[in-house]
Amino acid sequence: MNINQLSFDESGLIPAIVQDQQSKQVLTLAYMNEESLTKTIETGETWFYSRSRQELWHKGATSGNIQKVEEIRYDCDQDALVVMVDPQGPACHKGDYSCFPDVLWSKSEKTEKESTDELPANRFAIIEELEEVIATREAERPEGAYTTYLFEEGVDKILKKVGEEASEVIIAAKNRDKEELTWESADLLYHWLVLLREQKLPLDDVLNRLADRHAGK
């Protein structure tokens, strides 16, 4: 597939949906022309075309919040792109991790009559939510947040916490204390997700490996 085979609009632009390679969260929607797409491929960082300023712009050129490109996909009509990136900071000019932080409507939102103790239909939804929160904390680094502290301390601190929580899980299991095991398992899972984020290893890669093993590959 060549760039000149893509379907740019009458203004010579194509929409580019930028997505976090790890968390799979949509970070922003921007536009590229042939030149900015070429520069994106050549540099390995996102370049876009500003419709308001009528010029190319390099994401992170002034803020430092560049986006390292991992993969670029095109749709079946060849008139839209998905750019998978490793963000080096917030994507939004407001300082937010994503340009889409607000929810207009969600099927998963509970009604007032629903019990807050019930698990959502997707019982692993909390993992996806936690993964997004961790990614947001890494990008925005809000002061006072524990996750910010872990990322700023670095991999050694994160590894220490993973080791400590793993030991606590073992102790709780040895003591046959289900409540303690529940708490410590949650702590271990959280710190493990932080470690995956720090290592730039998508959770999907781990899940795919499990699937391969289950299939006997």
C-alpha atoms as a PDB file:
ATOM      1  CA  MET A   1       0.000   0.000   0.000  1.00  0.00           C
ATOM      2  CA  ASN A   2       1.405   3.387  -1.052  1.00  0.00           C
ATOM      3  CA  ILE A   3       0.439   6.763   0.379  1.00  0.00           C
ATOM      4  CA  ASN A   4      -0.803   7.913  -3.029  1.00  0.00           C
ATOM      5  CA  GLN A   5      -3.346   5.078  -2.976  1.00  0.00           C
ATOM      6  CA  LEU A   6      -5.116   6.595   0.037  1.00  0.00           C
ATOM      7  CA  SER A   7      -8.293   8.616  -0.507  1.00  0.00           C
ATOM      8  CA  PHE A   8      -7.536  12.152   0.631  1.00  0.00           C
ATOM      9  CA  ASP A   9     -10.522  14.543   0.623  1.00  0.00           C
ATOM     10  CA  GLU A  10     -10.983  17.531  -1.655  1.00  0.00           C
ATOM     11  CA  SER A  11      -8.688  19.548   0.630  1.00  0.00           C
ATOM     12  CA  GLY A  12      -5.984  16.906   0.411  1.00  0.00           C
ATOM     13  CA  LEU A  13      -6.595  15.707   3.985  1.00  0.00           C
ATOM     14  CA  ILE A  14      -7.313  12.404   5.676  1.00  0.00           C
ATOM     15  CA  PRO A  15      -8.575  11.975   9.285  1.00  0.00           C
ATOM     16  CA  ALA A  16      -6.130  10.263  11.650  1.00  0.00           C
ATOM     17  CA  ILE A  17      -7.364   8.684  14.869  1.00  0.00           C
ATOM     18  CA  VAL A  18      -4.473   8.509  17.327  1.00  0.00           C
ATOM     19  CA  GLN A  19      -4.654   5.596  19.754  1.00  0.00           C
ATOM     20  CA  ASP A  20      -2.455   4.542  22.676  1.00  0.00           C
ATOM     21  CA  GLN A  21      -0.742   1.299  21.661  1.00  0.00           C
ATOM     22  CA  GLN A  22      -0.861  -0.049  25.231  1.00  0.00           C
ATOM     23  CA  SER A  23      -4.139   1.067  26.778  1.00  0.00           C
ATOM     24  CA  LYS A  24      -5.998   1.220  23.428  1.00  0.00           C
ATOM     25  CA  GLN A  25      -7.516   4.551  24.479  1.00  0.00           C
ATOM     26  CA  VAL A  26      -8.252   7.058  21.736  1.00  0.00           C
ATOM     27  CA  LEU A  27      -6.031  10.078  22.348  1.00  0.00           C
ATOM     28  CA  THR A  28      -7.061  12.527  19.661  1.00  0.00           C
ATOM     29  CA  LEU A  29      -8.468  13.022  16.190  1.00  0.00           C
ATOM     30  CA  ALA A  30      -6.371  15.082  13.807  1.00  0.00           C
ATOM     31  CA  TYR A  31      -5.806  15.443  10.078  1.00  0.00           C
ATOM     32  CA  MET A  32      -2.877  14.602   7.849  1.00  0.00           C
ATOM     33  CA  ASN A  33      -2.009  15.535   4.311  1.00  0.00           C
ATOM     34  CA  GLU A  34       0.421  13.606   2.161  1.00  0.00           C
ATOM     35  CA  GLU A  35       3.401  15.617   3.409  1.00  0.00           C
ATOM     36  CA  SER A  36       2.633  15.241   7.121  1.00  0.00           C
ATOM     37  CA  LEU A  37       1.953  11.527   6.696  1.00  0.00           C
ATOM     38  CA  THR A  38       5.266  11.129   4.896  1.00  0.00           C
ATOM     39  CA  LYS A  39       7.080  12.998   7.691  1.00  0.00           C
ATOM     40  CA  THR A  40       5.301  10.825  10.272  1.00  0.00           C
ATOM     41  CA  ILE A  41       6.585   7.679   8.585  1.00  0.00           C
ATOM     42  CA  GLU A  42      10.093   9.080   8.083  1.00  0.00           C
ATOM     43  CA  THR A  43      10.542  10.397  11.648  1.00  0.00           C
ATOM     44  CA  GLY A  44       8.525   7.802  13.569  1.00  0.00           C
ATOM     45  CA  GLU A  45       6.668  10.627  15.335  1.00  0.00           C
ATOM     46  CA  THR A  46       3.257  12.127  14.572  1.00  0.00           C
ATOM     47  CA  TRP A  47       2.958  15.095  12.234  1.00  0.00           C
ATOM     48  CA  PHE A  48      -0.396  16.627  11.357  1.00  0.00           C
ATOM     49  CA  TYR A  49      -1.883  19.374   9.217  1.00  0.00           C
ATOM     50  CA  SER A  50      -3.605  22.251  11.019  1.00  0.00           C
ATOM     51  CA  ARG A  51      -6.774  23.248   9.180  1.00  0.00           C
ATOM     52  CA  SER A  52      -6.990  26.522  11.144  1.00  0.00           C
ATOM     53  CA  ARG A  53      -3.363  27.590  10.657  1.00  0.00           C
ATOM     54  CA  GLN A  54      -2.992  25.981   7.225  1.00  0.00           C
ATOM     55  CA  GLU A  55       0.375  24.485   8.100  1.00  0.00           C
ATOM     56  CA  LEU A  56       2.107  21.310   9.249  1.00  0.00           C
ATOM     57  CA  TRP A  57       2.681  20.754  12.948  1.00  0.00           C
ATOM     58  CA  HIS A  58       4.794  18.259  14.819  1.00  0.00           C
ATOM     59  CA  LYS A  59       3.032  16.943  17.922  1.00  0.00           C
ATOM     60  CA  GLY A  60       5.144  17.763  20.970  1.00  0.00           C
ATOM     61  CA  ALA A  61       7.480  20.191  19.179  1.00  0.00           C
ATOM     62  CA  THR A  62       6.891  22.837  21.854  1.00  0.00           C
ATOM     63  CA  SER A  63       5.432  20.823  24.748  1.00  0.00           C
ATOM     64  CA  GLY A  64       7.764  17.848  24.499  1.00  0.00           C
ATOM     65  CA  ASN A  65       4.742  15.516  24.491  1.00  0.00           C
ATOM     66  CA  ILE A  66       5.699  13.704  21.320  1.00  0.00           C
ATOM     67  CA  GLN A  67       3.965  10.553  20.112  1.00  0.00           C
ATOM     68  CA  LYS A  68       6.216   7.724  18.943  1.00  0.00           C
ATOM     69  CA  VAL A  69       4.466   5.845  16.157  1.00  0.00           C
ATOM     70  CA  GLU A  70       4.192   2.081  16.454  1.00  0.00           C
ATOM     71  CA  GLU A  71       1.837   1.335  13.572  1.00  0.00           C
ATOM     72  CA  ILE A  72      -0.407   3.072  11.042  1.00  0.00           C
ATOM     73  CA  ARG A  73      -3.545   1.371   9.748  1.00  0.00           C
ATOM     74  CA  TYR A  74      -6.043   2.406   7.089  1.00  0.00           C
ATOM     75  CA  ASP A  75      -9.723   1.504   6.787  1.00  0.00           C
ATOM     76  CA  CYS A  76     -11.515  -0.500   4.113  1.00  0.00           C
ATOM     77  CA  ASP A  77     -12.348   2.652   2.109  1.00  0.00           C
ATOM     78  CA  GLN A  78      -8.769   3.898   2.443  1.00  0.00           C
ATOM     79  CA  ASP A  79     -10.043   7.301   3.616  1.00  0.00           C
ATOM     80  CA  ALA A  80      -9.207   7.192   7.333  1.00  0.00           C
ATOM     81  CA  LEU A  81      -6.184   6.247   9.441  1.00  0.00           C
ATOM     82  CA  VAL A  82      -5.587   4.802  12.883  1.00  0.00           C
ATOM     83  CA  VAL A  83      -2.181   5.735  14.261  1.00  0.00           C
ATOM     84  CA  MET A  84      -1.002   3.533  17.132  1.00  0.00           C
ATOM     85  CA  VAL A  85       1.456   5.443  19.323  1.00  0.00           C
ATOM     86  CA  ASP A  86       3.517   5.376  22.474  1.00  0.00           C
ATOM     87  CA  PRO A  87       2.654   8.811  23.963  1.00  0.00           C
ATOM     88  CA  GLN A  88       5.400  10.688  25.756  1.00  0.00           C
ATOM     89  CA  GLY A  89       2.983  12.846  27.737  1.00  0.00           C
ATOM     90  CA  PRO A  90      -0.557  14.249  27.475  1.00  0.00           C
ATOM     91  CA  ALA A  91      -2.172  14.312  24.033  1.00  0.00           C
ATOM     92  CA  CYS A  92      -4.534  17.207  24.725  1.00  0.00           C
ATOM     93  CA  HIS A  93      -3.453  20.859  24.687  1.00  0.00           C
ATOM     94  CA  LYS A  94      -5.317  21.208  27.993  1.00  0.00           C
ATOM     95  CA  GLY A  95      -2.843  18.845  29.611  1.00  0.00           C
ATOM     96  CA  ASP A  96      -5.155  15.821  29.627  1.00  0.00           C
ATOM     97  CA  TYR A  97      -3.981  12.323  28.700  1.00  0.00           C
ATOM     98  CA  SER A  98      -6.670  12.173  25.999  1.00  0.00           C
ATOM     99  CA  CYS A  99      -8.708  14.751  24.108  1.00  0.00           C
ATOM    100  CA  PHE A 100     -11.759  12.605  24.960  1.00  0.00           C
ATOM    101  CA  PRO A 101     -11.938  12.589  28.791  1.00  0.00           C
ATOM    102  CA  ASP A 102     -15.687  13.233  29.078  1.00  0.00           C
ATOM    103  CA  VAL A 103     -18.511  10.723  28.631  1.00  0.00           C
ATOM    104  CA  LEU A 104     -21.626  11.873  26.772  1.00  0.00           C
ATOM    105  CA  TRP A 105     -23.440   8.542  27.164  1.00  0.00           C
ATOM    106  CA  SER A 106     -22.533   5.046  28.259  1.00  0.00           C
ATOM    107  CA  LYS A 107     -24.575   1.857  28.195  1.00  0.00           C
ATOM    108  CA  SER A 108     -22.615   0.619  31.189  1.00  0.00           C
ATOM    109  CA  GLU A 109     -23.730   3.502  33.436  1.00  0.00           C
ATOM    110  CA  LYS A 110     -25.896   2.216  36.273  1.00  0.00           C
ATOM    111  CA  THR A 111     -29.424   3.463  36.792  1.00  0.00           C
ATOM    112  CA  GLU A 112     -30.454   4.706  40.207  1.00  0.00           C
ATOM    113  CA  LYS A 113     -32.317   1.444  40.833  1.00  0.00           C
ATOM    114  CA  GLU A 114     -29.286  -0.736  40.208  1.00  0.00           C
ATOM    115  CA  SER A 115     -27.196  -1.918  43.121  1.00  0.00           C
ATOM    116  CA  THR A 116     -23.717  -0.420  43.372  1.00  0.00           C
ATOM    117  CA  ASP A 117     -22.505  -3.808  44.612  1.00  0.00           C
ATOM    118  CA  GLU A 118     -23.298  -5.574  41.332  1.00  0.00           C
ATOM    119  CA  LEU A 119     -20.484  -6.259  38.908  1.00  0.00           C
ATOM    120  CA  PRO A 120     -20.886  -4.836  35.396  1.00  0.00           C
ATOM    121  CA  ALA A 121     -21.822  -7.174  32.557  1.00  0.00           C
ATOM    122  CA  ASN A 122     -18.144  -7.291  31.606  1.00  0.00           C
ATOM    123  CA  ARG A 123     -16.571  -8.446  34.849  1.00  0.00           C
ATOM    124  CA  PHE A 124     -13.134  -7.394  33.605  1.00  0.00           C
ATOM    125  CA  ALA A 125     -14.239  -3.829  32.884  1.00  0.00           C
ATOM    126  CA  ILE A 126     -12.409  -2.613  35.983  1.00  0.00           C
ATOM    127  CA  ILE A 127      -9.125  -3.874  34.483  1.00  0.00           C
ATOM    128  CA  GLU A 128      -9.680  -1.756  31.391  1.00  0.00           C
ATOM    129  CA  GLU A 129     -10.630   1.224  33.550  1.00  0.00           C
ATOM    130  CA  LEU A 130      -7.577   0.782  35.765  1.00  0.00           C
ATOM    131  CA  GLU A 131      -5.328   0.449  32.729  1.00  0.00           C
ATOM    132  CA  GLU A 132      -6.674   3.762  31.423  1.00  0.00           C
ATOM    133  CA  VAL A 133      -6.200   5.471  34.802  1.00  0.00           C
ATOM    134  CA  ILE A 134      -2.595   4.279  35.002  1.00  0.00           C
ATOM    135  CA  ALA A 135      -1.905   5.526  31.478  1.00  0.00           C
ATOM    136  CA  THR A 136      -3.473   8.870  32.368  1.00  0.00           C
ATOM    137  CA  ARG A 137      -1.378   9.193  35.516  1.00  0.00           C
ATOM    138  CA  GLU A 138       1.809   8.455  33.582  1.00  0.00           C
ATOM    139  CA  ALA A 139       0.986  11.131  31.029  1.00  0.00           C
ATOM    140  CA  GLU A 140      -0.371  13.860  33.303  1.00  0.00           C
ATOM    141  CA  ARG A 141       1.639  13.181  36.511  1.00  0.00           C
ATOM    142  CA  PRO A 142      -0.861  14.829  38.913  1.00  0.00           C
ATOM    143  CA  GLU A 143       0.829  15.946  42.119  1.00  0.00           C
ATOM    144  CA  GLY A 144       0.099  13.779  45.148  1.00  0.00           C
ATOM    145  CA  ALA A 145      -1.108  10.728  43.204  1.00  0.00           C
ATOM    146  CA  TYR A 146       0.473   7.433  44.259  1.00  0.00           C
ATOM    147  CA  THR A 147       0.786   6.265  40.662  1.00  0.00           C
ATOM    148  CA  THR A 148       2.654   9.476  39.815  1.00  0.00           C
ATOM    149  CA  TYR A 149       5.031   8.700  42.684  1.00  0.00           C
ATOM    150  CA  LEU A 150       5.718   5.227  41.311  1.00  0.00           C
ATOM    151  CA  PHE A 151       6.476   6.466  37.796  1.00  0.00           C
ATOM    152  CA  GLU A 152       8.726   9.238  39.081  1.00  0.00           C
ATOM    153  CA  GLU A 153      10.647   6.821  41.321  1.00  0.00           C
ATOM    154  CA  GLY A 154      11.177   4.500  38.373  1.00  0.00           C
ATOM    155  CA  VAL A 155      11.354   0.817  37.626  1.00  0.00           C
ATOM    156  CA  ASP A 156      13.318  -0.185  40.740  1.00  0.00           C
ATOM    157  CA  LYS A 157      10.598   1.154  43.041  1.00  0.00           C
ATOM    158  CA  ILE A 158       7.860  -0.453  40.964  1.00  0.00           C
ATOM    159  CA  LEU A 159       9.656  -3.802  40.983  1.00  0.00           C
ATOM    160  CA  LYS A 160      10.114  -3.564  44.738  1.00  0.00           C
ATOM    161  CA  LYS A 161       6.377  -3.028  45.194  1.00  0.00           C
ATOM    162  CA  VAL A 162       5.529  -5.929  42.873  1.00  0.00           C
ATOM    163  CA  GLY A 163       7.838  -8.160  44.908  1.00  0.00           C
ATOM    164  CA  GLU A 164       6.393  -6.980  48.213  1.00  0.00           C
ATOM    165  CA  GLU A 165       2.799  -7.502  47.093  1.00  0.00           C
ATOM    166  CA  ALA A 166       3.607 -10.943  45.675  1.00  0.00           C
ATOM    167  CA  SER A 167       5.048 -11.908  49.053  1.00  0.00           C
ATOM    168  CA  GLU A 168       1.934 -10.587  50.801  1.00  0.00           C
ATOM    169  CA  VAL A 169      -0.236 -12.711  48.505  1.00  0.00           C
ATOM    170  CA  ILE A 170       1.775 -15.797  49.442  1.00  0.00           C
ATOM    171  CA  ILE A 171       1.498 -15.032  53.159  1.00  0.00           C
ATOM    172  CA  ALA A 172      -2.253 -14.405  52.937  1.00  0.00           C
ATOM    173  CA  ALA A 173      -2.777 -17.666  51.051  1.00  0.00           C
ATOM    174  CA  LYS A 174      -0.628 -19.561  53.547  1.00  0.00           C
ATOM    175  CA  ASN A 175      -2.736 -18.096  56.369  1.00  0.00           C
ATOM    176  CA  ARG A 176      -5.955 -19.138  54.589  1.00  0.00           C
ATOM    177  CA  ASP A 177      -7.172 -15.575  55.047  1.00  0.00           C
ATOM    178  CA  LYS A 178      -9.528 -14.894  52.109  1.00  0.00           C
ATOM    179  CA  GLU A 179     -10.140 -11.250  52.978  1.00  0.00           C
ATOM    180  CA  GLU A 180      -6.438 -10.540  53.244  1.00  0.00           C
ATOM    181  CA  LEU A 181      -5.805 -12.515  50.047  1.00  0.00           C
ATOM    182  CA  THR A 182      -8.424 -10.435  48.239  1.00  0.00           C
ATOM    183  CA  TRP A 183      -6.791  -7.171  49.301  1.00  0.00           C
ATOM    184  CA  GLU A 184      -3.254  -8.283  48.538  1.00  0.00           C
ATOM    185  CA  SER A 185      -4.239  -9.761  45.170  1.00  0.00           C
ATOM    186  CA  ALA A 186      -5.791  -6.428  44.189  1.00  0.00           C
ATOM    187  CA  ASP A 187      -2.605  -4.614  45.232  1.00  0.00           C
ATOM    188  CA  LEU A 188      -0.451  -7.039  43.251  1.00  0.00           C
ATOM    189  CA  LEU A 189      -2.612  -6.694  40.151  1.00  0.00           C
ATOM    190  CA  TYR A 190      -2.454  -2.891  40.318  1.00  0.00           C
ATOM    191  CA  HIS A 191       1.329  -2.773  40.676  1.00  0.00           C
ATOM    192  CA  TRP A 192       1.709  -5.373  37.912  1.00  0.00           C
ATOM    193  CA  LEU A 193      -0.314  -3.137  35.565  1.00  0.00           C
ATOM    194  CA  VAL A 194       1.887  -0.177  36.505  1.00  0.00           C
ATOM    195  CA  LEU A 195       4.945  -2.302  35.683  1.00  0.00           C
ATOM    196  CA  LEU A 196       3.523  -3.246  32.278  1.00  0.00           C
ATOM    197  CA  ARG A 197       2.944   0.439  31.541  1.00  0.00           C
ATOM    198  CA  GLU A 198       6.470   1.370  32.599  1.00  0.00           C
ATOM    199  CA  GLN A 199       7.874  -1.407  30.411  1.00  0.00           C
ATOM    200  CA  LYS A 200       5.715  -0.359  27.417  1.00  0.00           C
ATOM    201  CA  LEU A 201       4.266  -3.866  27.269  1.00  0.00           C
ATOM    202  CA  PRO A 202       0.579  -3.915  26.251  1.00  0.00           C
ATOM    203  CA  LEU A 203      -1.654  -6.084  28.402  1.00  0.00           C
ATOM    204  CA  ASP A 204      -3.024  -7.480  25.137  1.00  0.00           C
ATOM    205  CA  ASP A 205       0.363  -9.081  24.451  1.00  0.00           C
ATOM    206  CA  VAL A 206       0.140 -11.000  27.723  1.00  0.00           C
ATOM    207  CA  LEU A 207      -3.445 -12.046  27.017  1.00  0.00           C
ATOM    208  CA  ASN A 208      -2.517 -13.145  23.506  1.00  0.00           C
ATOM    209  CA  ARG A 209       0.293 -15.284  24.891  1.00  0.00           C
ATOM    210  CA  LEU A 210      -2.190 -16.943  27.243  1.00  0.00           C
ATOM    211  CA  ALA A 211      -4.508 -17.570  24.311  1.00  0.00           C
ATOM    212  CA  ASP A 212      -1.655 -19.102  22.301  1.00  0.00           C
ATOM    213  CA  ARG A 213      -0.790 -21.430  25.175  1.00  0.00           C
ATOM    214  CA  HIS A 214      -4.413 -22.439  25.585  1.00  0.00           C
ATOM    215  CA  ALA A 215      -4.577 -23.227  21.862  1.00  0.00           C
ATOM    216  CA  GLY A 216      -1.423 -25.302  22.181  1.00  0.00           C
ATOM    217  CA  LYS A 217       0.710 -23.105  19.940  1.00  0.00           C
END
